[in-house]
Amino acid sequence: MVKLIKLSSDYTKQIQDYKDAFNKRNESIHGCAGINHFPHVTDWIAQSLRDEHQDTVQPGFVPAFTYCLVDMKDQSLVGIVNIRTQLNESLRNFGGHIGYSIHPDKRGQGYGKLMLHLALEKCKTYGICDVLVTANDTNIASIKVIEGCGGQFENILFEEDTPIRRYWFHL
């Protein structure tokens, strides 16, 4: 059984293991509020918790809440999802309300769809009724997750030369 659990320092080791799994594959971690830019996950956790509040959010960021999808059997981290309660211009065009990633070893097992579904439920609790989710046009797995959860395609915008697909959920 997996559960969506609010980010806390209780999961520091699991988050470090998660980050290491991506680094071993030379992959960036998308949708995780800039975890790649923090050398220590403890700093990222602390900043992510500050990002929940308008008065302590990072410059250029919007208030957001981060959750971990945790396998309760072994407490391993399956995925991370970031729910942004507001959109700035960049998020309105390219990032959306929800960003997420799945552990490289857990891909293709339905966790992305489950995590997005749970994140959409969380959006309701934050009063977000129209939810924008985006995906790089070449990220077929993410597109399948979004469409599988009922995302309604709006259009494609270009972030420099990268086509970004934009989907809406009306909750």
N, C-alpha and C. Protein backbone atom coordinates (compact mmCIF):
# COMPACT_ATOMS: atom_id res chain seq x y z
N MET A 1 0.85 -1.19 0.00
CA MET A 1 0.00 0.00 0.00
C MET A 1 0.89 1.24 0.00
N VAL A 2 0.50 2.22 -0.80
CA VAL A 2 1.23 3.49 -0.83
C VAL A 2 0.32 4.60 -0.33
N LYS A 3 0.93 5.61 0.27
CA LYS A 3 0.19 6.76 0.78
C LYS A 3 0.91 8.04 0.37
N LEU A 4 0.13 9.09 0.18
CA LEU A 4 0.67 10.41 -0.08
C LEU A 4 0.84 11.10 1.27
N ILE A 5 2.08 11.41 1.62
CA ILE A 5 2.41 11.95 2.93
C ILE A 5 3.08 13.30 2.75
N LYS A 6 2.65 14.27 3.54
CA LYS A 6 3.23 15.61 3.47
C LYS A 6 4.72 15.55 3.79
N LEU A 7 5.48 16.30 3.04
CA LEU A 7 6.93 16.35 3.21
C LEU A 7 7.30 16.67 4.65
N SER A 8 8.28 15.92 5.16
CA SER A 8 8.82 16.21 6.48
C SER A 8 10.24 15.66 6.54
N SER A 9 10.97 16.11 7.53
CA SER A 9 12.35 15.64 7.70
C SER A 9 12.41 14.17 8.11
N ASP A 10 11.27 13.57 8.45
CA ASP A 10 11.23 12.15 8.76
C ASP A 10 11.68 11.29 7.58
N TYR A 11 11.61 11.85 6.37
CA TYR A 11 11.93 11.10 5.16
C TYR A 11 13.25 11.55 4.52
N THR A 12 14.13 12.14 5.31
CA THR A 12 15.39 12.65 4.78
C THR A 12 16.19 11.55 4.08
N LYS A 13 16.35 10.41 4.71
CA LYS A 13 17.14 9.33 4.10
C LYS A 13 16.49 8.85 2.80
N GLN A 14 15.18 8.68 2.80
CA GLN A 14 14.50 8.21 1.60
C GLN A 14 14.62 9.22 0.47
N ILE A 15 14.54 10.50 0.81
CA ILE A 15 14.67 11.54 -0.22
C ILE A 15 16.09 11.55 -0.78
N GLN A 16 17.08 11.37 0.08
CA GLN A 16 18.46 11.30 -0.40
C GLN A 16 18.64 10.09 -1.32
N ASP A 17 18.09 8.95 -0.94
CA ASP A 17 18.17 7.75 -1.79
C ASP A 17 17.48 8.00 -3.13
N TYR A 18 16.36 8.70 -3.10
CA TYR A 18 15.59 9.05 -4.31
C TYR A 18 16.45 9.92 -5.22
N LYS A 19 17.03 10.96 -4.64
CA LYS A 19 17.88 11.87 -5.42
C LYS A 19 19.08 11.11 -5.99
N ASP A 20 19.69 10.24 -5.21
CA ASP A 20 20.84 9.46 -5.66
C ASP A 20 20.46 8.56 -6.84
N ALA A 21 19.27 7.99 -6.83
CA ALA A 21 18.83 7.12 -7.92
C ALA A 21 18.77 7.89 -9.24
N PHE A 22 18.30 9.13 -9.19
CA PHE A 22 18.27 9.96 -10.39
C PHE A 22 19.69 10.34 -10.82
N ASN A 23 20.53 10.73 -9.84
CA ASN A 23 21.90 11.12 -10.15
C ASN A 23 22.68 9.97 -10.79
N LYS A 24 22.48 8.75 -10.34
CA LYS A 24 23.17 7.59 -10.91
C LYS A 24 22.83 7.41 -12.38
N ARG A 25 21.65 7.86 -12.77
CA ARG A 25 21.20 7.74 -14.16
C ARG A 25 21.44 9.04 -14.94
N ASN A 26 22.08 10.02 -14.29
CA ASN A 26 22.31 11.33 -14.90
C ASN A 26 21.00 11.96 -15.38
N GLU A 27 19.95 11.82 -14.57
CA GLU A 27 18.64 12.39 -14.88
C GLU A 27 18.33 13.53 -13.91
N SER A 28 17.69 14.56 -14.42
CA SER A 28 17.17 15.62 -13.55
C SER A 28 15.88 15.15 -12.93
N ILE A 29 15.60 15.66 -11.74
CA ILE A 29 14.34 15.35 -11.08
C ILE A 29 13.39 16.49 -11.36
N HIS A 30 12.37 16.21 -12.14
CA HIS A 30 11.40 17.25 -12.50
C HIS A 30 10.26 17.28 -11.50
N GLY A 31 9.65 18.46 -11.36
CA GLY A 31 8.45 18.58 -10.54
C GLY A 31 8.69 18.54 -9.04
N CYS A 32 9.91 18.73 -8.62
CA CYS A 32 10.23 18.61 -7.19
C CYS A 32 10.79 19.89 -6.61
N ALA A 33 10.28 21.01 -7.06
CA ALA A 33 10.62 22.31 -6.46
C ALA A 33 12.12 22.57 -6.37
N GLY A 34 12.82 22.21 -7.43
CA GLY A 34 14.24 22.57 -7.50
C GLY A 34 15.17 21.73 -6.66
N ILE A 35 14.82 20.50 -6.35
CA ILE A 35 15.68 19.65 -5.53
C ILE A 35 17.08 19.52 -6.13
N ASN A 36 17.18 19.58 -7.46
CA ASN A 36 18.48 19.46 -8.13
C ASN A 36 19.44 20.57 -7.74
N HIS A 37 18.91 21.71 -7.31
CA HIS A 37 19.74 22.88 -7.00
C HIS A 37 20.24 22.91 -5.56
N PHE A 38 19.89 21.92 -4.79
CA PHE A 38 20.29 21.86 -3.38
C PHE A 38 21.29 20.72 -3.19
N PRO A 39 22.50 21.02 -2.73
CA PRO A 39 23.47 19.94 -2.53
C PRO A 39 23.06 18.97 -1.41
N HIS A 40 22.32 19.45 -0.44
CA HIS A 40 21.89 18.61 0.68
C HIS A 40 20.36 18.59 0.73
N VAL A 41 19.79 17.39 0.82
CA VAL A 41 18.33 17.30 0.84
C VAL A 41 17.74 17.95 2.08
N THR A 42 18.50 18.04 3.17
CA THR A 42 17.97 18.70 4.37
C THR A 42 17.68 20.17 4.07
N ASP A 43 18.53 20.80 3.27
CA ASP A 43 18.29 22.20 2.88
C ASP A 43 17.06 22.30 1.98
N TRP A 44 16.91 21.34 1.07
CA TRP A 44 15.74 21.34 0.18
C TRP A 44 14.45 21.15 0.99
N ILE A 45 14.48 20.23 1.94
CA ILE A 45 13.30 20.00 2.78
C ILE A 45 12.94 21.27 3.53
N ALA A 46 13.92 21.90 4.14
CA ALA A 46 13.67 23.12 4.91
C ALA A 46 13.09 24.21 4.02
N GLN A 47 13.66 24.39 2.82
CA GLN A 47 13.14 25.42 1.92
C GLN A 47 11.75 25.06 1.42
N SER A 48 11.53 23.80 1.11
CA SER A 48 10.20 23.38 0.64
C SER A 48 9.14 23.65 1.69
N LEU A 49 9.47 23.45 2.95
CA LEU A 49 8.52 23.75 4.02
C LEU A 49 8.30 25.26 4.15
N ARG A 50 9.35 26.05 3.93
CA ARG A 50 9.18 27.51 3.93
C ARG A 50 8.34 27.96 2.73
N ASP A 51 8.45 27.23 1.62
CA ASP A 51 7.71 27.59 0.40
C ASP A 51 6.20 27.43 0.55
N GLU A 52 5.76 26.85 1.64
CA GLU A 52 4.33 26.72 1.88
C GLU A 52 3.69 28.06 2.22
N HIS A 53 4.51 29.05 2.58
CA HIS A 53 3.99 30.33 3.06
C HIS A 53 4.44 31.47 2.15
N GLN A 54 3.51 32.33 1.83
CA GLN A 54 3.78 33.46 0.94
C GLN A 54 4.96 34.30 1.41
N ASP A 55 5.09 34.50 2.71
CA ASP A 55 6.14 35.39 3.22
C ASP A 55 7.53 34.75 3.27
N THR A 56 7.63 33.43 3.05
CA THR A 56 8.95 32.78 3.09
C THR A 56 9.25 31.96 1.83
N VAL A 57 8.42 32.11 0.80
CA VAL A 57 8.64 31.38 -0.44
C VAL A 57 9.89 31.92 -1.15
N GLN A 58 10.60 31.04 -1.86
CA GLN A 58 11.79 31.44 -2.60
C GLN A 58 11.45 32.50 -3.65
N PRO A 59 12.37 33.42 -3.92
CA PRO A 59 12.13 34.40 -4.98
C PRO A 59 11.85 33.70 -6.31
N GLY A 60 10.82 34.14 -7.01
CA GLY A 60 10.45 33.55 -8.28
C GLY A 60 9.55 32.33 -8.17
N PHE A 61 9.34 31.86 -6.95
CA PHE A 61 8.47 30.71 -6.73
C PHE A 61 7.12 31.20 -6.21
N VAL A 62 6.16 30.29 -6.14
CA VAL A 62 4.84 30.58 -5.57
C VAL A 62 4.64 29.62 -4.40
N PRO A 63 3.71 29.93 -3.51
CA PRO A 63 3.43 29.00 -2.41
C PRO A 63 3.08 27.61 -2.95
N ALA A 64 3.63 26.60 -2.31
CA ALA A 64 3.42 25.22 -2.78
C ALA A 64 3.58 24.25 -1.62
N PHE A 65 2.98 23.10 -1.78
CA PHE A 65 3.06 22.03 -0.80
C PHE A 65 3.65 20.80 -1.48
N THR A 66 4.58 20.16 -0.81
CA THR A 66 5.25 18.99 -1.37
C THR A 66 4.84 17.75 -0.58
N TYR A 67 4.58 16.68 -1.33
CA TYR A 67 4.17 15.41 -0.75
C TYR A 67 5.06 14.29 -1.29
N CYS A 68 5.19 13.26 -0.48
CA CYS A 68 5.93 12.06 -0.86
C CYS A 68 4.95 10.92 -1.01
N LEU A 69 5.09 10.16 -2.09
CA LEU A 69 4.34 8.93 -2.23
C LEU A 69 5.21 7.83 -1.64
N VAL A 70 4.75 7.28 -0.54
CA VAL A 70 5.55 6.35 0.26
C VAL A 70 4.93 4.96 0.24
N ASP A 71 5.78 3.95 -0.02
CA ASP A 71 5.37 2.57 0.10
C ASP A 71 5.39 2.23 1.59
N MET A 72 4.24 2.00 2.16
CA MET A 72 4.14 1.82 3.60
C MET A 72 4.75 0.50 4.09
N LYS A 73 4.95 -0.46 3.18
CA LYS A 73 5.55 -1.73 3.58
C LYS A 73 6.99 -1.55 4.04
N ASP A 74 7.74 -0.77 3.27
CA ASP A 74 9.16 -0.61 3.60
C ASP A 74 9.58 0.86 3.78
N GLN A 75 8.60 1.75 3.76
CA GLN A 75 8.83 3.19 3.92
C GLN A 75 9.69 3.79 2.81
N SER A 76 9.76 3.12 1.66
CA SER A 76 10.55 3.65 0.54
C SER A 76 9.76 4.73 -0.19
N LEU A 77 10.50 5.62 -0.81
CA LEU A 77 9.92 6.74 -1.54
C LEU A 77 9.68 6.33 -2.99
N VAL A 78 8.43 6.38 -3.41
CA VAL A 78 8.04 6.01 -4.76
C VAL A 78 8.01 7.23 -5.67
N GLY A 79 7.59 8.38 -5.14
CA GLY A 79 7.48 9.58 -5.94
C GLY A 79 7.39 10.82 -5.08
N ILE A 80 7.55 11.96 -5.74
CA ILE A 80 7.41 13.26 -5.09
C ILE A 80 6.51 14.12 -5.96
N VAL A 81 5.60 14.83 -5.32
CA VAL A 81 4.70 15.72 -6.04
C VAL A 81 4.67 17.08 -5.35
N ASN A 82 4.67 18.13 -6.16
CA ASN A 82 4.65 19.50 -5.67
C ASN A 82 3.36 20.15 -6.17
N ILE A 83 2.55 20.66 -5.24
CA ILE A 83 1.27 21.29 -5.58
C ILE A 83 1.39 22.78 -5.33
N ARG A 84 1.30 23.53 -6.42
CA ARG A 84 1.43 24.99 -6.34
C ARG A 84 0.04 25.60 -6.23
N THR A 85 -0.15 26.41 -5.22
CA THR A 85 -1.48 26.96 -4.96
C THR A 85 -1.77 28.21 -5.78
N GLN A 86 -0.75 28.73 -6.43
CA GLN A 86 -0.91 29.90 -7.31
C GLN A 86 -0.07 29.65 -8.56
N LEU A 87 -0.32 30.44 -9.58
CA LEU A 87 0.50 30.37 -10.79
C LEU A 87 1.09 31.73 -11.09
N ASN A 88 2.39 31.76 -11.35
CA ASN A 88 3.00 32.97 -11.91
C ASN A 88 3.00 32.80 -13.43
N GLU A 89 3.56 33.74 -14.16
CA GLU A 89 3.48 33.67 -15.62
C GLU A 89 4.15 32.41 -16.18
N SER A 90 5.31 32.07 -15.64
CA SER A 90 6.01 30.88 -16.13
C SER A 90 5.21 29.61 -15.86
N LEU A 91 4.67 29.47 -14.65
CA LEU A 91 3.87 28.29 -14.33
C LEU A 91 2.58 28.26 -15.14
N ARG A 92 1.99 29.43 -15.37
CA ARG A 92 0.76 29.50 -16.16
C ARG A 92 1.00 28.98 -17.58
N ASN A 93 2.17 29.22 -18.09
CA ASN A 93 2.48 28.78 -19.46
C ASN A 93 3.10 27.39 -19.52
N PHE A 94 4.02 27.09 -18.61
CA PHE A 94 4.85 25.91 -18.79
C PHE A 94 4.88 24.92 -17.62
N GLY A 95 4.54 25.34 -16.42
CA GLY A 95 4.75 24.46 -15.27
C GLY A 95 3.49 23.90 -14.65
N GLY A 96 2.43 24.69 -14.60
CA GLY A 96 1.17 24.23 -14.04
C GLY A 96 1.13 24.20 -12.52
N HIS A 97 0.03 23.69 -12.01
CA HIS A 97 -0.20 23.60 -10.57
C HIS A 97 0.50 22.41 -9.94
N ILE A 98 0.75 21.37 -10.72
CA ILE A 98 1.29 20.13 -10.17
C ILE A 98 2.54 19.74 -10.95
N GLY A 99 3.60 19.45 -10.20
CA GLY A 99 4.80 18.86 -10.77
C GLY A 99 5.09 17.58 -10.02
N TYR A 100 5.56 16.57 -10.72
CA TYR A 100 5.78 15.29 -10.05
C TYR A 100 6.88 14.49 -10.74
N SER A 101 7.40 13.54 -10.00
CA SER A 101 8.34 12.58 -10.56
C SER A 101 8.15 11.24 -9.85
N ILE A 102 8.54 10.19 -10.53
CA ILE A 102 8.47 8.83 -9.99
C ILE A 102 9.88 8.27 -9.94
N HIS A 103 10.19 7.55 -8.86
CA HIS A 103 11.50 6.92 -8.71
C HIS A 103 11.79 6.10 -9.98
N PRO A 104 13.00 6.21 -10.52
CA PRO A 104 13.31 5.47 -11.75
C PRO A 104 13.02 3.97 -11.69
N ASP A 105 13.18 3.36 -10.54
CA ASP A 105 12.92 1.93 -10.40
C ASP A 105 11.43 1.60 -10.30
N LYS A 106 10.59 2.61 -10.15
CA LYS A 106 9.16 2.39 -9.95
C LYS A 106 8.32 2.80 -11.17
N ARG A 107 8.98 3.26 -12.22
CA ARG A 107 8.24 3.71 -13.40
C ARG A 107 7.55 2.54 -14.10
N GLY A 108 6.46 2.88 -14.79
CA GLY A 108 5.74 1.87 -15.56
C GLY A 108 4.90 0.93 -14.73
N GLN A 109 4.67 1.27 -13.47
CA GLN A 109 3.90 0.40 -12.57
C GLN A 109 2.59 1.04 -12.11
N GLY A 110 2.22 2.16 -12.72
CA GLY A 110 0.96 2.81 -12.38
C GLY A 110 1.04 3.83 -11.27
N TYR A 111 2.22 4.04 -10.72
CA TYR A 111 2.35 4.99 -9.61
C TYR A 111 2.14 6.44 -10.03
N GLY A 112 2.54 6.78 -11.24
CA GLY A 112 2.35 8.16 -11.71
C GLY A 112 0.88 8.53 -11.74
N LYS A 113 0.08 7.65 -12.30
CA LYS A 113 -1.36 7.90 -12.38
C LYS A 113 -1.98 7.99 -10.98
N LEU A 114 -1.58 7.07 -10.10
CA LEU A 114 -2.08 7.09 -8.73
C LEU A 114 -1.68 8.39 -8.03
N MET A 115 -0.42 8.79 -8.17
CA MET A 115 0.05 9.99 -7.49
C MET A 115 -0.65 11.24 -8.02
N LEU A 116 -0.83 11.33 -9.35
CA LEU A 116 -1.53 12.49 -9.89
C LEU A 116 -2.97 12.52 -9.40
N HIS A 117 -3.63 11.37 -9.37
CA HIS A 117 -5.00 11.32 -8.85
C HIS A 117 -5.06 11.82 -7.40
N LEU A 118 -4.13 11.35 -6.56
CA LEU A 118 -4.11 11.79 -5.16
C LEU A 118 -3.78 13.28 -5.05
N ALA A 119 -2.89 13.77 -5.91
CA ALA A 119 -2.55 15.19 -5.90
C ALA A 119 -3.75 16.04 -6.30
N LEU A 120 -4.52 15.57 -7.25
CA LEU A 120 -5.74 16.31 -7.65
C LEU A 120 -6.72 16.38 -6.49
N GLU A 121 -6.82 15.32 -5.72
CA GLU A 121 -7.68 15.35 -4.52
C GLU A 121 -7.16 16.40 -3.53
N LYS A 122 -5.85 16.49 -3.37
CA LYS A 122 -5.25 17.50 -2.48
C LYS A 122 -5.56 18.90 -2.99
N CYS A 123 -5.55 19.08 -4.31
CA CYS A 123 -5.85 20.39 -4.88
C CYS A 123 -7.20 20.90 -4.39
N LYS A 124 -8.17 20.02 -4.31
CA LYS A 124 -9.49 20.40 -3.81
C LYS A 124 -9.39 20.98 -2.41
N THR A 125 -8.55 20.39 -1.56
CA THR A 125 -8.44 20.87 -0.19
C THR A 125 -7.80 22.25 -0.13
N TYR A 126 -7.04 22.62 -1.16
CA TYR A 126 -6.43 23.95 -1.23
C TYR A 126 -7.29 24.92 -2.01
N GLY A 127 -8.49 24.48 -2.41
CA GLY A 127 -9.41 25.36 -3.11
C GLY A 127 -9.06 25.59 -4.58
N ILE A 128 -8.26 24.71 -5.15
CA ILE A 128 -7.90 24.82 -6.56
C ILE A 128 -8.86 23.94 -7.35
N CYS A 129 -9.77 24.56 -8.07
CA CYS A 129 -10.79 23.81 -8.80
C CYS A 129 -10.43 23.59 -10.26
N ASP A 130 -9.70 24.52 -10.84
CA ASP A 130 -9.21 24.38 -12.21
C ASP A 130 -7.70 24.20 -12.12
N VAL A 131 -7.25 23.00 -12.44
CA VAL A 131 -5.87 22.61 -12.23
C VAL A 131 -5.16 22.44 -13.57
N LEU A 132 -4.07 23.14 -13.73
CA LEU A 132 -3.25 23.03 -14.93
C LEU A 132 -2.09 22.08 -14.67
N VAL A 133 -1.91 21.10 -15.57
CA VAL A 133 -0.78 20.17 -15.51
C VAL A 133 -0.15 20.16 -16.89
N THR A 134 1.17 20.21 -16.93
CA THR A 134 1.87 20.28 -18.20
C THR A 134 2.86 19.12 -18.34
N ALA A 135 3.25 18.88 -19.59
CA ALA A 135 4.26 17.86 -19.86
C ALA A 135 5.02 18.24 -21.11
N ASN A 136 6.30 17.96 -21.09
CA ASN A 136 7.10 18.11 -22.30
C ASN A 136 6.50 17.22 -23.38
N ASP A 137 6.41 17.70 -24.60
CA ASP A 137 5.77 16.98 -25.68
C ASP A 137 6.43 15.64 -25.98
N THR A 138 7.68 15.46 -25.57
CA THR A 138 8.36 14.18 -25.80
C THR A 138 8.25 13.23 -24.62
N ASN A 139 7.65 13.68 -23.52
CA ASN A 139 7.52 12.84 -22.33
C ASN A 139 6.23 12.02 -22.42
N ILE A 140 6.29 10.97 -23.21
CA ILE A 140 5.10 10.16 -23.49
C ILE A 140 4.51 9.57 -22.21
N ALA A 141 5.36 9.13 -21.29
CA ALA A 141 4.86 8.54 -20.05
C ALA A 141 4.02 9.55 -19.27
N SER A 142 4.51 10.78 -19.14
CA SER A 142 3.76 11.79 -18.41
C SER A 142 2.46 12.15 -19.13
N ILE A 143 2.52 12.23 -20.43
CA ILE A 143 1.31 12.52 -21.21
C ILE A 143 0.26 11.43 -20.97
N LYS A 144 0.68 10.17 -20.97
CA LYS A 144 -0.25 9.07 -20.72
C LYS A 144 -0.84 9.15 -19.31
N VAL A 145 -0.01 9.54 -18.33
CA VAL A 145 -0.51 9.70 -16.96
C VAL A 145 -1.58 10.78 -16.92
N ILE A 146 -1.27 11.94 -17.47
CA ILE A 146 -2.20 13.07 -17.45
C ILE A 146 -3.50 12.71 -18.16
N GLU A 147 -3.38 12.18 -19.36
CA GLU A 147 -4.58 11.82 -20.12
C GLU A 147 -5.34 10.68 -19.44
N GLY A 148 -4.62 9.75 -18.82
CA GLY A 148 -5.26 8.64 -18.12
C GLY A 148 -6.04 9.09 -16.90
N CYS A 149 -5.67 10.23 -16.35
CA CYS A 149 -6.39 10.79 -15.19
C CYS A 149 -7.50 11.74 -15.63
N GLY A 150 -7.66 11.93 -16.94
CA GLY A 150 -8.75 12.76 -17.44
C GLY A 150 -8.38 14.19 -17.78
N GLY A 151 -7.09 14.48 -17.87
CA GLY A 151 -6.68 15.83 -18.25
C GLY A 151 -7.17 16.18 -19.65
N GLN A 152 -7.68 17.39 -19.79
CA GLN A 152 -8.21 17.84 -21.08
C GLN A 152 -7.18 18.73 -21.76
N PHE A 153 -6.71 18.27 -22.90
CA PHE A 153 -5.68 18.99 -23.65
C PHE A 153 -6.20 20.35 -24.08
N GLU A 154 -5.37 21.39 -23.83
CA GLU A 154 -5.73 22.73 -24.29
C GLU A 154 -4.89 23.13 -25.50
N ASN A 155 -3.57 23.10 -25.34
CA ASN A 155 -2.72 23.54 -26.44
C ASN A 155 -1.26 23.18 -26.16
N ILE A 156 -0.40 23.57 -27.07
CA ILE A 156 1.03 23.43 -26.91
C ILE A 156 1.64 24.82 -26.99
N LEU A 157 2.47 25.15 -25.99
CA LEU A 157 3.24 26.39 -26.01
C LEU A 157 4.71 26.00 -26.05
N PHE A 158 5.53 26.91 -26.55
CA PHE A 158 6.96 26.62 -26.66
C PHE A 158 7.74 27.38 -25.61
N GLU A 159 8.50 26.62 -24.82
CA GLU A 159 9.44 27.20 -23.87
C GLU A 159 10.80 27.12 -24.57
N GLU A 160 11.21 28.26 -25.13
CA GLU A 160 12.34 28.30 -26.06
C GLU A 160 11.99 27.37 -27.22
N ASP A 161 12.74 26.31 -27.44
CA ASP A 161 12.44 25.39 -28.56
C ASP A 161 11.70 24.13 -28.11
N THR A 162 11.33 24.07 -26.83
CA THR A 162 10.70 22.86 -26.29
C THR A 162 9.18 23.00 -26.29
N PRO A 163 8.48 22.10 -26.98
CA PRO A 163 7.01 22.14 -26.95
C PRO A 163 6.50 21.57 -25.62
N ILE A 164 5.63 22.33 -24.98
CA ILE A 164 5.03 21.94 -23.70
C ILE A 164 3.52 21.78 -23.90
N ARG A 165 3.04 20.59 -23.58
CA ARG A 165 1.60 20.31 -23.68
C ARG A 165 0.92 20.76 -22.40
N ARG A 166 -0.22 21.43 -22.53
CA ARG A 166 -0.97 21.96 -21.39
C ARG A 166 -2.32 21.26 -21.29
N TYR A 167 -2.63 20.78 -20.08
CA TYR A 167 -3.87 20.06 -19.81
C TYR A 167 -4.58 20.68 -18.62
N TRP A 168 -5.90 20.64 -18.64
CA TRP A 168 -6.71 21.14 -17.52
C TRP A 168 -7.54 20.02 -16.91
N PHE A 169 -7.67 20.12 -15.61
CA PHE A 169 -8.59 19.29 -14.84
C PHE A 169 -9.58 20.25 -14.18
N HIS A 170 -10.86 19.98 -14.34
CA HIS A 170 -11.89 20.80 -13.70
C HIS A 170 -12.52 19.95 -12.60
N LEU A 171 -12.17 20.28 -11.36
CA LEU A 171 -12.58 19.45 -10.23
C LEU A 171 -13.91 19.92 -9.64
